[in-house]
């Protein structure tokens, strides 16, 4: 049952998480085609190259997971939070700059974690894209990601200043499949559902603190 759950989980990763970097690449190519300035075209071409390299690396890693034989468990390896964030920022370069988002990090408390790389990248990518989708039009988006220890467990916090949610109204639906809480044409209600299942399948938990128009803070407790 656990192996079947991991396989289903991986299929969600492929279907959902490749969409964001692909959209980023398409947006950069469109800007390059419409740009007249040679200098700006060269700049955009460089960005396209960076995104393509990061995208290719992600596909290679997903391919390696596919190759794992059925009797082998998902491999846990030491991951540096900062390196994972930098990789995601390259994948989402267009969305981040297009939303005027500022991402800050503080991993001084805990710099590394032993965790499946494809899962950790998927979790952080989903949380960042969620913040971008539900940003407020009244202020520039700020996202702060930090690590800490709580009762001996490694925890990760992702805080933003976006639209926020009324937890009294929607609290029991936040991580449900195909649940959306703001009018947004790009929302499919899958990101947080995937994230919760990834975390829980490996023994962890995720919770949220939020108020309307006061942003949201997601707290992940790894096993």
N, C-alpha and C. Protein backbone atom coordinates (compact mmCIF):
# COMPACT_ATOMS: atom_id res chain seq x y z
N UNK A 1 0.83 -1.21 0.00
CA UNK A 1 0.00 0.00 0.00
C UNK A 1 0.86 1.26 0.00
N UNK A 2 1.97 1.21 0.76
CA UNK A 2 2.85 2.37 0.83
C UNK A 2 3.52 2.61 -0.52
N UNK A 3 3.95 1.53 -1.20
CA UNK A 3 4.59 1.68 -2.51
C UNK A 3 3.60 2.21 -3.54
N UNK A 4 2.35 1.72 -3.49
CA UNK A 4 1.34 2.23 -4.41
C UNK A 4 1.07 3.71 -4.17
N UNK A 5 1.06 4.12 -2.89
CA UNK A 5 0.84 5.52 -2.55
C UNK A 5 1.99 6.38 -3.07
N UNK A 6 3.22 5.87 -2.95
CA UNK A 6 4.39 6.61 -3.44
C UNK A 6 4.32 6.75 -4.96
N UNK A 7 3.87 5.70 -5.65
CA UNK A 7 3.76 5.75 -7.10
C UNK A 7 2.71 6.78 -7.53
N UNK A 8 1.56 6.76 -6.85
CA UNK A 8 0.52 7.73 -7.16
C UNK A 8 1.01 9.15 -6.85
N UNK A 9 1.71 9.29 -5.74
CA UNK A 9 2.25 10.58 -5.35
C UNK A 9 3.20 11.11 -6.41
N UNK A 10 4.05 10.21 -6.93
CA UNK A 10 5.01 10.62 -7.95
C UNK A 10 4.30 11.07 -9.22
N UNK A 11 3.21 10.40 -9.58
CA UNK A 11 2.48 10.80 -10.78
C UNK A 11 1.92 12.21 -10.63
N UNK A 12 1.50 12.58 -9.41
CA UNK A 12 1.04 13.94 -9.16
C UNK A 12 2.19 14.94 -9.31
N UNK A 13 3.38 14.56 -8.82
CA UNK A 13 4.54 15.43 -8.93
C UNK A 13 4.82 15.75 -10.39
N UNK A 14 4.84 14.71 -11.23
CA UNK A 14 5.15 14.90 -12.64
C UNK A 14 4.10 15.79 -13.31
N UNK A 15 2.82 15.49 -13.07
CA UNK A 15 1.74 16.22 -13.75
C UNK A 15 1.65 17.67 -13.29
N UNK A 16 1.82 17.91 -12.00
CA UNK A 16 1.59 19.24 -11.45
C UNK A 16 2.86 20.09 -11.43
N UNK A 17 3.97 19.53 -11.00
CA UNK A 17 5.15 20.33 -10.73
C UNK A 17 5.96 20.69 -11.97
N UNK A 18 5.81 19.95 -13.05
CA UNK A 18 6.51 20.33 -14.27
C UNK A 18 5.79 21.47 -14.99
N UNK A 19 4.53 21.70 -14.63
CA UNK A 19 3.74 22.73 -15.29
C UNK A 19 4.30 24.13 -15.02
N UNK A 20 4.71 24.42 -13.78
CA UNK A 20 5.19 25.76 -13.43
C UNK A 20 6.48 26.12 -14.16
N UNK A 21 7.54 25.27 -14.11
CA UNK A 21 8.74 25.64 -14.85
C UNK A 21 8.52 25.68 -16.36
N UNK A 22 7.64 24.84 -16.89
CA UNK A 22 7.34 24.88 -18.32
C UNK A 22 6.67 26.21 -18.68
N UNK A 23 5.72 26.66 -17.86
CA UNK A 23 5.08 27.96 -18.09
C UNK A 23 6.10 29.09 -18.02
N UNK A 24 7.05 28.96 -17.10
CA UNK A 24 8.11 29.95 -16.98
C UNK A 24 8.93 30.02 -18.26
N UNK A 25 9.28 28.86 -18.80
CA UNK A 25 10.08 28.80 -20.02
C UNK A 25 9.31 29.38 -21.21
N UNK A 26 8.03 29.03 -21.31
CA UNK A 26 7.20 29.55 -22.40
C UNK A 26 7.09 31.07 -22.31
N UNK A 27 6.94 31.61 -21.10
CA UNK A 27 6.82 33.06 -20.91
C UNK A 27 8.11 33.77 -21.33
N UNK A 28 9.25 33.21 -20.96
CA UNK A 28 10.53 33.81 -21.33
C UNK A 28 10.74 33.79 -22.85
N UNK A 29 10.35 32.69 -23.49
CA UNK A 29 10.50 32.58 -24.94
C UNK A 29 9.59 33.58 -25.66
N UNK A 30 8.39 33.78 -25.11
CA UNK A 30 7.47 34.75 -25.70
C UNK A 30 8.02 36.17 -25.58
N UNK A 31 8.61 36.49 -24.42
CA UNK A 31 9.22 37.81 -24.24
C UNK A 31 10.39 38.00 -25.19
N UNK A 32 11.17 36.95 -25.37
CA UNK A 32 12.32 37.02 -26.27
C UNK A 32 11.88 37.30 -27.71
N UNK A 33 10.81 36.65 -28.13
CA UNK A 33 10.32 36.83 -29.50
C UNK A 33 9.79 38.24 -29.75
N UNK A 34 9.20 38.84 -28.74
CA UNK A 34 8.59 40.17 -28.92
C UNK A 34 9.56 41.31 -28.63
N UNK A 35 10.68 41.00 -28.00
CA UNK A 35 11.64 42.04 -27.61
C UNK A 35 12.41 42.57 -28.83
N UNK A 36 12.62 43.89 -28.89
CA UNK A 36 13.32 44.52 -30.01
C UNK A 36 14.79 44.83 -29.68
N UNK A 37 15.04 45.13 -28.41
CA UNK A 37 16.39 45.51 -28.00
C UNK A 37 17.33 44.30 -28.05
N UNK A 38 18.46 44.39 -28.78
CA UNK A 38 19.42 43.28 -28.82
C UNK A 38 19.98 42.93 -27.45
N UNK A 39 20.23 43.97 -26.63
CA UNK A 39 20.77 43.72 -25.30
C UNK A 39 19.77 42.94 -24.44
N UNK A 40 18.49 43.34 -24.50
CA UNK A 40 17.46 42.66 -23.71
C UNK A 40 17.22 41.25 -24.23
N UNK A 41 17.31 41.08 -25.55
CA UNK A 41 17.14 39.75 -26.13
C UNK A 41 18.25 38.81 -25.64
N UNK A 42 19.48 39.34 -25.57
CA UNK A 42 20.60 38.54 -25.05
C UNK A 42 20.39 38.18 -23.59
N UNK A 43 19.86 39.15 -22.81
CA UNK A 43 19.59 38.90 -21.39
C UNK A 43 18.54 37.79 -21.23
N UNK A 44 17.45 37.90 -22.02
CA UNK A 44 16.38 36.90 -21.95
C UNK A 44 16.88 35.53 -22.41
N UNK A 45 17.74 35.52 -23.42
CA UNK A 45 18.29 34.26 -23.91
C UNK A 45 19.13 33.58 -22.83
N UNK A 46 19.86 34.38 -22.08
CA UNK A 46 20.64 33.83 -20.96
C UNK A 46 19.72 33.23 -19.91
N UNK A 47 18.61 33.93 -19.61
CA UNK A 47 17.65 33.41 -18.64
C UNK A 47 17.01 32.12 -19.14
N UNK A 48 16.70 32.06 -20.43
CA UNK A 48 16.12 30.85 -21.02
C UNK A 48 17.09 29.69 -20.85
N UNK A 49 18.38 29.96 -21.05
CA UNK A 49 19.39 28.92 -20.88
C UNK A 49 19.45 28.42 -19.45
N UNK A 50 19.38 29.35 -18.49
CA UNK A 50 19.42 28.96 -17.07
C UNK A 50 18.21 28.11 -16.69
N UNK A 51 17.02 28.55 -17.14
CA UNK A 51 15.80 27.80 -16.83
C UNK A 51 15.83 26.42 -17.49
N UNK A 52 16.32 26.37 -18.73
CA UNK A 52 16.40 25.10 -19.44
C UNK A 52 17.30 24.12 -18.72
N UNK A 53 18.44 24.61 -18.22
CA UNK A 53 19.36 23.74 -17.48
C UNK A 53 18.71 23.21 -16.20
N UNK A 54 18.03 24.10 -15.47
CA UNK A 54 17.37 23.69 -14.23
C UNK A 54 16.23 22.72 -14.52
N UNK A 55 15.48 23.02 -15.60
CA UNK A 55 14.38 22.15 -15.99
C UNK A 55 14.89 20.77 -16.38
N UNK A 56 15.99 20.75 -17.13
CA UNK A 56 16.59 19.48 -17.55
C UNK A 56 17.05 18.67 -16.35
N UNK A 57 17.61 19.37 -15.37
CA UNK A 57 18.08 18.69 -14.16
C UNK A 57 16.91 18.07 -13.40
N UNK A 58 15.82 18.81 -13.33
CA UNK A 58 14.62 18.30 -12.65
C UNK A 58 14.09 17.05 -13.34
N UNK A 59 14.04 17.08 -14.67
CA UNK A 59 13.55 15.92 -15.43
C UNK A 59 14.46 14.72 -15.23
N UNK A 60 15.78 14.96 -15.21
CA UNK A 60 16.73 13.87 -14.98
C UNK A 60 16.49 13.22 -13.61
N UNK A 61 16.25 14.07 -12.60
CA UNK A 61 16.03 13.54 -11.26
C UNK A 61 14.72 12.75 -11.18
N UNK A 62 13.68 13.26 -11.85
CA UNK A 62 12.41 12.54 -11.88
C UNK A 62 12.57 11.20 -12.62
N UNK A 63 13.38 11.20 -13.66
CA UNK A 63 13.63 9.98 -14.42
C UNK A 63 14.32 8.94 -13.55
N UNK A 64 15.26 9.40 -12.72
CA UNK A 64 15.96 8.48 -11.82
C UNK A 64 14.99 7.83 -10.85
N UNK A 65 14.02 8.62 -10.38
CA UNK A 65 13.03 8.06 -9.46
C UNK A 65 12.21 6.97 -10.16
N UNK A 66 11.86 7.22 -11.44
CA UNK A 66 11.09 6.25 -12.21
C UNK A 66 11.86 4.94 -12.33
N UNK A 67 13.19 5.03 -12.44
CA UNK A 67 14.02 3.84 -12.65
C UNK A 67 14.14 2.97 -11.40
N UNK A 68 13.82 3.55 -10.25
CA UNK A 68 13.94 2.78 -9.01
C UNK A 68 13.05 1.55 -9.07
N UNK A 69 13.61 0.40 -8.81
CA UNK A 69 12.82 -0.83 -8.85
C UNK A 69 11.75 -0.82 -7.77
N UNK A 70 10.70 -1.56 -7.99
CA UNK A 70 9.54 -1.53 -7.12
C UNK A 70 9.88 -1.89 -5.68
N UNK A 71 10.85 -2.78 -5.48
CA UNK A 71 11.15 -3.22 -4.12
C UNK A 71 12.06 -2.25 -3.37
N UNK A 72 12.52 -1.19 -4.02
CA UNK A 72 13.43 -0.25 -3.39
C UNK A 72 12.65 0.96 -2.87
N UNK A 73 12.90 1.35 -1.61
CA UNK A 73 12.22 2.50 -1.04
C UNK A 73 12.81 3.79 -1.60
N UNK A 74 12.05 4.87 -1.52
CA UNK A 74 12.56 6.18 -1.94
C UNK A 74 13.78 6.53 -1.12
N UNK A 75 14.82 6.99 -1.80
CA UNK A 75 16.11 7.23 -1.16
C UNK A 75 16.14 8.58 -0.43
N UNK A 76 16.62 8.54 0.80
CA UNK A 76 16.81 9.76 1.59
C UNK A 76 18.27 10.18 1.47
N UNK A 77 18.49 11.46 1.12
CA UNK A 77 19.84 12.00 1.00
C UNK A 77 19.91 13.35 1.69
N UNK A 78 21.11 13.74 2.08
CA UNK A 78 21.28 15.04 2.71
C UNK A 78 21.06 16.14 1.68
N UNK A 79 20.15 17.07 2.01
CA UNK A 79 19.82 18.18 1.12
C UNK A 79 20.06 19.49 1.85
N UNK A 80 20.65 20.47 1.16
CA UNK A 80 20.82 21.80 1.72
C UNK A 80 19.62 22.66 1.31
N UNK A 81 18.92 23.19 2.30
CA UNK A 81 17.74 24.00 2.02
C UNK A 81 18.04 25.13 1.03
N UNK A 82 19.16 25.82 1.24
CA UNK A 82 19.49 26.98 0.41
C UNK A 82 19.68 26.58 -1.05
N UNK A 83 20.33 25.45 -1.29
CA UNK A 83 20.56 25.01 -2.67
C UNK A 83 19.24 24.63 -3.35
N UNK A 84 18.33 24.02 -2.60
CA UNK A 84 17.03 23.67 -3.17
C UNK A 84 16.25 24.93 -3.53
N UNK A 85 16.29 25.93 -2.65
CA UNK A 85 15.59 27.19 -2.92
C UNK A 85 16.17 27.88 -4.15
N UNK A 86 17.48 27.90 -4.28
CA UNK A 86 18.12 28.54 -5.43
C UNK A 86 17.72 27.85 -6.73
N UNK A 87 17.62 26.53 -6.70
CA UNK A 87 17.19 25.77 -7.88
C UNK A 87 15.75 26.13 -8.26
N UNK A 88 14.88 26.23 -7.27
CA UNK A 88 13.48 26.57 -7.52
C UNK A 88 13.35 27.99 -8.05
N UNK A 89 14.16 28.91 -7.53
CA UNK A 89 14.11 30.30 -8.00
C UNK A 89 14.48 30.39 -9.48
N UNK A 90 15.39 29.54 -9.94
CA UNK A 90 15.73 29.52 -11.36
C UNK A 90 14.56 28.98 -12.17
N UNK A 91 13.92 27.93 -11.66
CA UNK A 91 12.78 27.35 -12.37
C UNK A 91 11.62 28.33 -12.49
N UNK A 92 11.43 29.17 -11.45
CA UNK A 92 10.29 30.07 -11.39
C UNK A 92 10.69 31.53 -11.63
N UNK A 93 11.80 31.74 -12.28
CA UNK A 93 12.33 33.10 -12.44
C UNK A 93 11.30 34.07 -13.00
N UNK A 94 10.59 33.65 -14.04
CA UNK A 94 9.62 34.53 -14.69
C UNK A 94 8.46 34.87 -13.76
N UNK A 95 7.92 33.85 -13.07
CA UNK A 95 6.80 34.10 -12.16
C UNK A 95 7.20 35.00 -10.98
N UNK A 96 8.41 34.77 -10.48
CA UNK A 96 8.87 35.56 -9.33
C UNK A 96 9.06 37.02 -9.71
N UNK A 97 9.75 37.25 -10.82
CA UNK A 97 9.97 38.64 -11.26
C UNK A 97 8.68 39.29 -11.72
N UNK A 98 7.81 38.52 -12.37
CA UNK A 98 6.55 39.06 -12.86
C UNK A 98 5.59 39.46 -11.76
N UNK A 99 5.75 38.87 -10.60
CA UNK A 99 4.87 39.19 -9.46
C UNK A 99 5.54 40.14 -8.47
N UNK A 100 6.74 40.63 -8.82
CA UNK A 100 7.50 41.51 -7.92
C UNK A 100 7.70 40.87 -6.54
N UNK A 101 7.90 39.58 -6.55
CA UNK A 101 8.06 38.86 -5.29
C UNK A 101 9.50 38.94 -4.78
N UNK A 102 9.63 39.04 -3.48
CA UNK A 102 10.93 38.99 -2.82
C UNK A 102 10.95 37.77 -1.91
N UNK A 103 11.93 36.89 -2.12
CA UNK A 103 12.06 35.69 -1.31
C UNK A 103 13.29 35.82 -0.43
N UNK A 104 13.09 35.74 0.87
CA UNK A 104 14.20 35.76 1.82
C UNK A 104 14.22 34.43 2.58
N UNK A 105 15.40 34.06 3.04
CA UNK A 105 15.56 32.78 3.72
C UNK A 105 16.45 32.92 4.95
N UNK A 106 16.20 32.09 5.92
CA UNK A 106 17.05 31.99 7.10
C UNK A 106 17.13 30.52 7.51
N UNK A 107 18.23 29.89 7.11
CA UNK A 107 18.44 28.49 7.45
C UNK A 107 19.59 28.33 8.44
N UNK A 108 19.83 29.38 9.21
CA UNK A 108 20.95 29.35 10.16
C UNK A 108 20.73 28.32 11.26
N UNK A 109 19.48 28.08 11.63
CA UNK A 109 19.19 27.11 12.70
C UNK A 109 19.44 25.68 12.22
N UNK A 110 18.93 25.36 11.03
CA UNK A 110 19.11 24.04 10.42
C UNK A 110 19.39 24.25 8.94
N UNK A 111 20.56 23.84 8.47
CA UNK A 111 20.94 24.08 7.08
C UNK A 111 20.62 22.91 6.17
N UNK A 112 20.63 21.70 6.70
CA UNK A 112 20.44 20.51 5.87
C UNK A 112 19.40 19.58 6.48
N UNK A 113 18.88 18.70 5.64
CA UNK A 113 17.93 17.69 6.09
C UNK A 113 18.13 16.44 5.23
N UNK A 114 17.95 15.28 5.82
CA UNK A 114 18.02 14.02 5.08
C UNK A 114 16.60 13.69 4.61
N UNK A 115 16.39 13.84 3.30
CA UNK A 115 15.03 13.76 2.76
C UNK A 115 15.13 13.48 1.26
N UNK A 116 14.13 12.83 0.67
CA UNK A 116 14.15 12.62 -0.79
C UNK A 116 14.16 13.96 -1.53
N UNK A 117 15.13 14.15 -2.42
CA UNK A 117 15.30 15.44 -3.08
C UNK A 117 14.06 15.83 -3.89
N UNK A 118 13.51 14.87 -4.64
CA UNK A 118 12.37 15.20 -5.50
C UNK A 118 11.16 15.63 -4.66
N UNK A 119 11.01 15.07 -3.45
CA UNK A 119 9.91 15.47 -2.58
C UNK A 119 10.14 16.86 -2.00
N UNK A 120 11.36 17.11 -1.52
CA UNK A 120 11.66 18.40 -0.90
C UNK A 120 11.49 19.53 -1.91
N UNK A 121 11.98 19.33 -3.14
CA UNK A 121 11.82 20.35 -4.18
C UNK A 121 10.35 20.56 -4.51
N UNK A 122 9.60 19.47 -4.58
CA UNK A 122 8.18 19.57 -4.89
C UNK A 122 7.43 20.34 -3.81
N UNK A 123 7.73 20.06 -2.56
CA UNK A 123 7.06 20.73 -1.44
C UNK A 123 7.32 22.23 -1.47
N UNK A 124 8.58 22.62 -1.61
CA UNK A 124 8.93 24.03 -1.60
C UNK A 124 8.42 24.74 -2.85
N UNK A 125 8.49 24.07 -3.99
CA UNK A 125 7.96 24.68 -5.22
C UNK A 125 6.47 24.95 -5.09
N UNK A 126 5.73 24.00 -4.53
CA UNK A 126 4.28 24.18 -4.37
C UNK A 126 3.95 25.32 -3.41
N UNK A 127 4.71 25.44 -2.32
CA UNK A 127 4.44 26.51 -1.36
C UNK A 127 4.74 27.88 -1.95
N UNK A 128 5.83 27.98 -2.72
CA UNK A 128 6.19 29.26 -3.32
C UNK A 128 5.19 29.65 -4.41
N UNK A 129 4.82 28.70 -5.28
CA UNK A 129 3.84 29.02 -6.32
C UNK A 129 2.48 29.34 -5.72
N UNK A 130 2.15 28.72 -4.59
CA UNK A 130 0.89 29.03 -3.90
C UNK A 130 0.90 30.48 -3.42
N UNK A 131 2.04 30.93 -2.87
CA UNK A 131 2.15 32.32 -2.43
C UNK A 131 2.03 33.29 -3.60
N UNK A 132 2.63 32.92 -4.73
CA UNK A 132 2.57 33.79 -5.91
C UNK A 132 1.14 33.88 -6.44
N UNK A 133 0.45 32.76 -6.50
CA UNK A 133 -0.93 32.76 -7.01
C UNK A 133 -1.85 33.61 -6.15
N UNK A 134 -1.66 33.54 -4.83
CA UNK A 134 -2.58 34.20 -3.92
C UNK A 134 -1.96 35.43 -3.27
N UNK A 135 -1.18 36.18 -4.06
CA UNK A 135 -0.60 37.42 -3.57
C UNK A 135 -1.66 38.53 -3.58
N UNK A 136 -1.42 39.56 -2.81
CA UNK A 136 -2.33 40.69 -2.74
C UNK A 136 -1.94 41.73 -3.80
N UNK A 137 -2.94 42.36 -4.39
CA UNK A 137 -2.68 43.42 -5.37
C UNK A 137 -2.37 44.74 -4.68
N UNK A 138 -2.50 44.78 -3.36
CA UNK A 138 -2.30 46.02 -2.61
C UNK A 138 -0.87 46.21 -2.11
N UNK A 139 0.00 45.19 -2.29
CA UNK A 139 1.37 45.28 -1.79
C UNK A 139 2.26 44.29 -2.53
N UNK A 140 3.54 44.57 -2.56
CA UNK A 140 4.49 43.65 -3.17
C UNK A 140 4.57 42.38 -2.34
N UNK A 141 4.69 41.26 -3.02
CA UNK A 141 4.73 39.97 -2.34
C UNK A 141 6.08 39.75 -1.65
N UNK A 142 6.01 39.35 -0.41
CA UNK A 142 7.20 38.98 0.36
C UNK A 142 7.01 37.55 0.88
N UNK A 143 7.99 36.71 0.63
CA UNK A 143 7.97 35.31 1.09
C UNK A 143 9.21 35.08 1.93
N UNK A 144 9.02 34.55 3.12
CA UNK A 144 10.16 34.26 3.99
C UNK A 144 10.12 32.79 4.39
N UNK A 145 11.22 32.11 4.13
CA UNK A 145 11.32 30.67 4.41
C UNK A 145 12.44 30.47 5.42
N UNK A 146 12.15 29.74 6.48
CA UNK A 146 13.15 29.54 7.54
C UNK A 146 13.04 28.14 8.13
N UNK A 147 14.10 27.74 8.79
CA UNK A 147 14.15 26.42 9.44
C UNK A 147 14.33 26.59 10.93
N UNK A 148 13.91 25.59 11.68
CA UNK A 148 14.10 25.60 13.13
C UNK A 148 13.88 24.20 13.68
N UNK A 149 14.21 24.02 14.95
CA UNK A 149 13.97 22.76 15.65
C UNK A 149 12.82 22.94 16.63
N UNK A 150 11.87 22.02 16.60
CA UNK A 150 10.77 22.01 17.56
C UNK A 150 10.68 20.61 18.16
N UNK A 151 10.93 20.52 19.45
CA UNK A 151 10.89 19.23 20.15
C UNK A 151 11.74 18.18 19.45
N UNK A 152 12.91 18.60 18.96
CA UNK A 152 13.83 17.67 18.33
C UNK A 152 13.56 17.37 16.87
N UNK A 153 12.48 17.92 16.30
CA UNK A 153 12.13 17.69 14.89
C UNK A 153 12.52 18.89 14.04
N UNK A 154 13.00 18.62 12.83
CA UNK A 154 13.32 19.69 11.90
C UNK A 154 12.02 20.26 11.33
N UNK A 155 11.90 21.58 11.37
CA UNK A 155 10.68 22.23 10.88
C UNK A 155 11.05 23.30 9.86
N UNK A 156 10.14 23.51 8.93
CA UNK A 156 10.32 24.52 7.89
C UNK A 156 9.09 25.41 7.88
N UNK A 157 9.33 26.72 7.89
CA UNK A 157 8.24 27.70 7.88
C UNK A 157 8.28 28.48 6.56
N UNK A 158 7.12 28.64 5.94
CA UNK A 158 7.00 29.44 4.72
C UNK A 158 5.92 30.48 4.96
N UNK A 159 6.33 31.74 5.07
CA UNK A 159 5.42 32.83 5.42
C UNK A 159 5.31 33.83 4.28
N UNK A 160 4.09 34.29 3.99
CA UNK A 160 3.91 35.32 2.97
C UNK A 160 2.95 36.39 3.46
N UNK A 161 2.85 37.48 2.72
CA UNK A 161 1.97 38.60 3.07
C UNK A 161 0.84 38.73 2.06
N UNK A 162 0.35 37.60 1.57
CA UNK A 162 -0.65 37.58 0.52
C UNK A 162 -2.08 37.77 1.01
N UNK A 163 -3.01 37.18 0.26
CA UNK A 163 -4.44 37.37 0.53
C UNK A 163 -4.89 36.72 1.84
N UNK A 164 -4.22 35.65 2.23
CA UNK A 164 -4.62 34.96 3.45
C UNK A 164 -5.95 34.24 3.30
N UNK A 165 -6.36 33.58 4.39
CA UNK A 165 -7.59 32.77 4.38
C UNK A 165 -8.34 32.91 5.69
N UNK A 166 -9.64 32.71 5.63
CA UNK A 166 -10.47 32.65 6.82
C UNK A 166 -10.50 31.20 7.28
N UNK A 167 -9.66 30.86 8.26
CA UNK A 167 -9.55 29.47 8.69
C UNK A 167 -10.81 28.97 9.40
N UNK A 168 -11.58 29.89 9.99
CA UNK A 168 -12.83 29.47 10.62
C UNK A 168 -13.81 28.96 9.57
N UNK A 169 -13.71 29.52 8.37
CA UNK A 169 -14.61 29.14 7.29
C UNK A 169 -14.05 27.99 6.46
N UNK A 170 -12.73 28.02 6.20
CA UNK A 170 -12.15 27.05 5.27
C UNK A 170 -11.11 26.12 5.90
N UNK A 171 -10.90 26.24 7.20
CA UNK A 171 -9.82 25.51 7.85
C UNK A 171 -9.77 24.02 7.57
N UNK A 172 -10.93 23.37 7.53
CA UNK A 172 -10.94 21.92 7.31
C UNK A 172 -10.88 21.53 5.84
N UNK A 173 -10.75 22.51 4.95
CA UNK A 173 -10.70 22.22 3.51
C UNK A 173 -9.37 22.59 2.86
N UNK A 174 -8.49 23.23 3.62
CA UNK A 174 -7.27 23.80 3.05
C UNK A 174 -6.49 22.80 2.19
N UNK A 175 -6.34 21.59 2.70
CA UNK A 175 -5.48 20.62 2.01
C UNK A 175 -6.29 19.58 1.23
N UNK A 176 -7.55 19.89 0.94
CA UNK A 176 -8.37 18.97 0.17
C UNK A 176 -8.08 19.02 -1.31
N UNK A 177 -8.42 17.95 -2.01
CA UNK A 177 -8.20 17.90 -3.45
C UNK A 177 -9.18 18.82 -4.18
N UNK A 178 -8.64 19.60 -5.12
CA UNK A 178 -9.42 20.50 -5.97
C UNK A 178 -10.24 21.51 -5.16
N UNK A 179 -9.63 21.98 -4.05
CA UNK A 179 -10.25 23.02 -3.24
C UNK A 179 -9.55 24.34 -3.51
N UNK A 180 -10.31 25.35 -3.93
CA UNK A 180 -9.77 26.69 -4.14
C UNK A 180 -10.60 27.68 -3.35
N UNK A 181 -9.96 28.78 -2.93
CA UNK A 181 -10.62 29.71 -2.01
C UNK A 181 -10.57 31.16 -2.49
N UNK A 182 -9.97 31.38 -3.65
CA UNK A 182 -9.93 32.71 -4.24
C UNK A 182 -10.18 32.57 -5.74
N UNK A 183 -10.84 33.52 -6.38
CA UNK A 183 -11.02 33.46 -7.83
C UNK A 183 -9.70 33.63 -8.54
N UNK A 184 -9.22 32.58 -9.18
CA UNK A 184 -7.93 32.61 -9.85
C UNK A 184 -7.96 31.58 -10.96
N UNK A 185 -7.82 32.05 -12.21
CA UNK A 185 -7.95 31.15 -13.36
C UNK A 185 -6.87 30.08 -13.39
N UNK A 186 -5.74 30.30 -12.69
CA UNK A 186 -4.64 29.34 -12.70
C UNK A 186 -4.72 28.35 -11.54
N UNK A 187 -5.74 28.47 -10.72
CA UNK A 187 -5.87 27.61 -9.55
C UNK A 187 -6.60 26.32 -9.88
N UNK A 188 -5.99 25.20 -9.50
CA UNK A 188 -6.60 23.91 -9.74
C UNK A 188 -6.87 23.14 -8.45
N UNK A 189 -6.43 23.71 -7.33
CA UNK A 189 -6.70 23.07 -6.05
C UNK A 189 -5.95 21.77 -5.86
N UNK A 190 -4.75 21.67 -6.45
CA UNK A 190 -3.97 20.44 -6.33
C UNK A 190 -2.68 20.63 -5.55
N UNK A 191 -2.11 21.83 -5.58
CA UNK A 191 -0.80 22.06 -4.98
C UNK A 191 -0.70 21.67 -3.52
N UNK A 192 -1.59 22.20 -2.68
CA UNK A 192 -1.53 21.91 -1.25
C UNK A 192 -1.95 20.47 -0.95
N UNK A 193 -2.84 19.92 -1.76
CA UNK A 193 -3.23 18.52 -1.61
C UNK A 193 -2.02 17.61 -1.84
N UNK A 194 -1.27 17.88 -2.91
CA UNK A 194 -0.07 17.11 -3.21
C UNK A 194 0.95 17.28 -2.09
N UNK A 195 1.16 18.52 -1.67
CA UNK A 195 2.15 18.81 -0.64
C UNK A 195 1.85 18.05 0.65
N UNK A 196 0.61 18.10 1.10
CA UNK A 196 0.24 17.41 2.33
C UNK A 196 0.49 15.91 2.21
N UNK A 197 0.10 15.31 1.08
CA UNK A 197 0.27 13.88 0.91
C UNK A 197 1.74 13.47 0.83
N UNK A 198 2.56 14.30 0.21
CA UNK A 198 3.99 14.01 0.18
C UNK A 198 4.57 14.00 1.59
N UNK A 199 4.24 15.02 2.35
CA UNK A 199 4.78 15.15 3.70
C UNK A 199 4.29 14.02 4.61
N UNK A 200 2.99 13.76 4.57
CA UNK A 200 2.42 12.74 5.44
C UNK A 200 2.86 11.33 5.06
N UNK A 201 3.11 11.09 3.76
CA UNK A 201 3.54 9.76 3.33
C UNK A 201 4.90 9.41 3.90
N UNK A 202 5.67 10.44 4.31
CA UNK A 202 6.99 10.21 4.90
C UNK A 202 6.99 10.50 6.40
N UNK A 203 5.80 10.51 6.99
CA UNK A 203 5.69 10.60 8.45
C UNK A 203 5.66 11.99 9.03
N UNK A 204 5.60 13.04 8.19
CA UNK A 204 5.60 14.40 8.70
C UNK A 204 4.20 14.99 8.76
N UNK A 205 4.13 16.30 8.99
CA UNK A 205 2.83 16.97 9.07
C UNK A 205 2.99 18.41 8.56
N UNK A 206 1.88 19.00 8.16
CA UNK A 206 1.86 20.40 7.71
C UNK A 206 0.64 21.09 8.29
N UNK A 207 0.82 22.32 8.73
CA UNK A 207 -0.29 23.11 9.29
C UNK A 207 -0.19 24.53 8.76
N UNK A 208 -1.25 25.31 8.97
CA UNK A 208 -1.31 26.68 8.46
C UNK A 208 -1.85 27.63 9.51
N UNK A 209 -1.29 28.83 9.53
CA UNK A 209 -1.82 29.95 10.30
C UNK A 209 -2.12 31.06 9.30
N UNK A 210 -3.32 31.62 9.36
CA UNK A 210 -3.67 32.63 8.37
C UNK A 210 -4.87 33.46 8.82
N UNK A 211 -4.93 34.69 8.32
CA UNK A 211 -6.08 35.56 8.48
C UNK A 211 -6.32 36.26 7.15
N UNK A 212 -7.58 36.60 6.85
CA UNK A 212 -7.85 37.30 5.60
C UNK A 212 -7.04 38.58 5.46
N UNK A 213 -6.39 38.74 4.32
CA UNK A 213 -5.58 39.91 3.97
C UNK A 213 -4.36 40.10 4.88
N UNK A 214 -3.99 39.06 5.61
CA UNK A 214 -2.81 39.15 6.47
C UNK A 214 -1.80 38.04 6.16
N UNK A 215 -1.93 37.43 4.98
CA UNK A 215 -0.97 36.42 4.58
C UNK A 215 -1.20 35.08 5.24
N UNK A 216 -0.27 34.18 4.99
CA UNK A 216 -0.38 32.82 5.52
C UNK A 216 1.01 32.31 5.88
N UNK A 217 1.06 31.47 6.89
CA UNK A 217 2.30 30.81 7.29
C UNK A 217 2.06 29.31 7.33
N UNK A 218 2.83 28.57 6.53
CA UNK A 218 2.75 27.12 6.53
C UNK A 218 3.93 26.59 7.36
N UNK A 219 3.64 25.65 8.23
CA UNK A 219 4.68 25.03 9.06
C UNK A 219 4.73 23.54 8.76
N UNK A 220 5.89 23.09 8.31
CA UNK A 220 6.11 21.68 8.02
C UNK A 220 6.96 21.08 9.12
N UNK A 221 6.52 19.99 9.68
CA UNK A 221 7.30 19.25 10.67
C UNK A 221 7.71 17.94 10.01
N UNK A 222 9.00 17.76 9.79
CA UNK A 222 9.50 16.53 9.18
C UNK A 222 9.65 15.46 10.25
N UNK A 223 9.55 14.23 9.84
CA UNK A 223 9.64 13.16 10.84
C UNK A 223 11.04 13.05 11.41
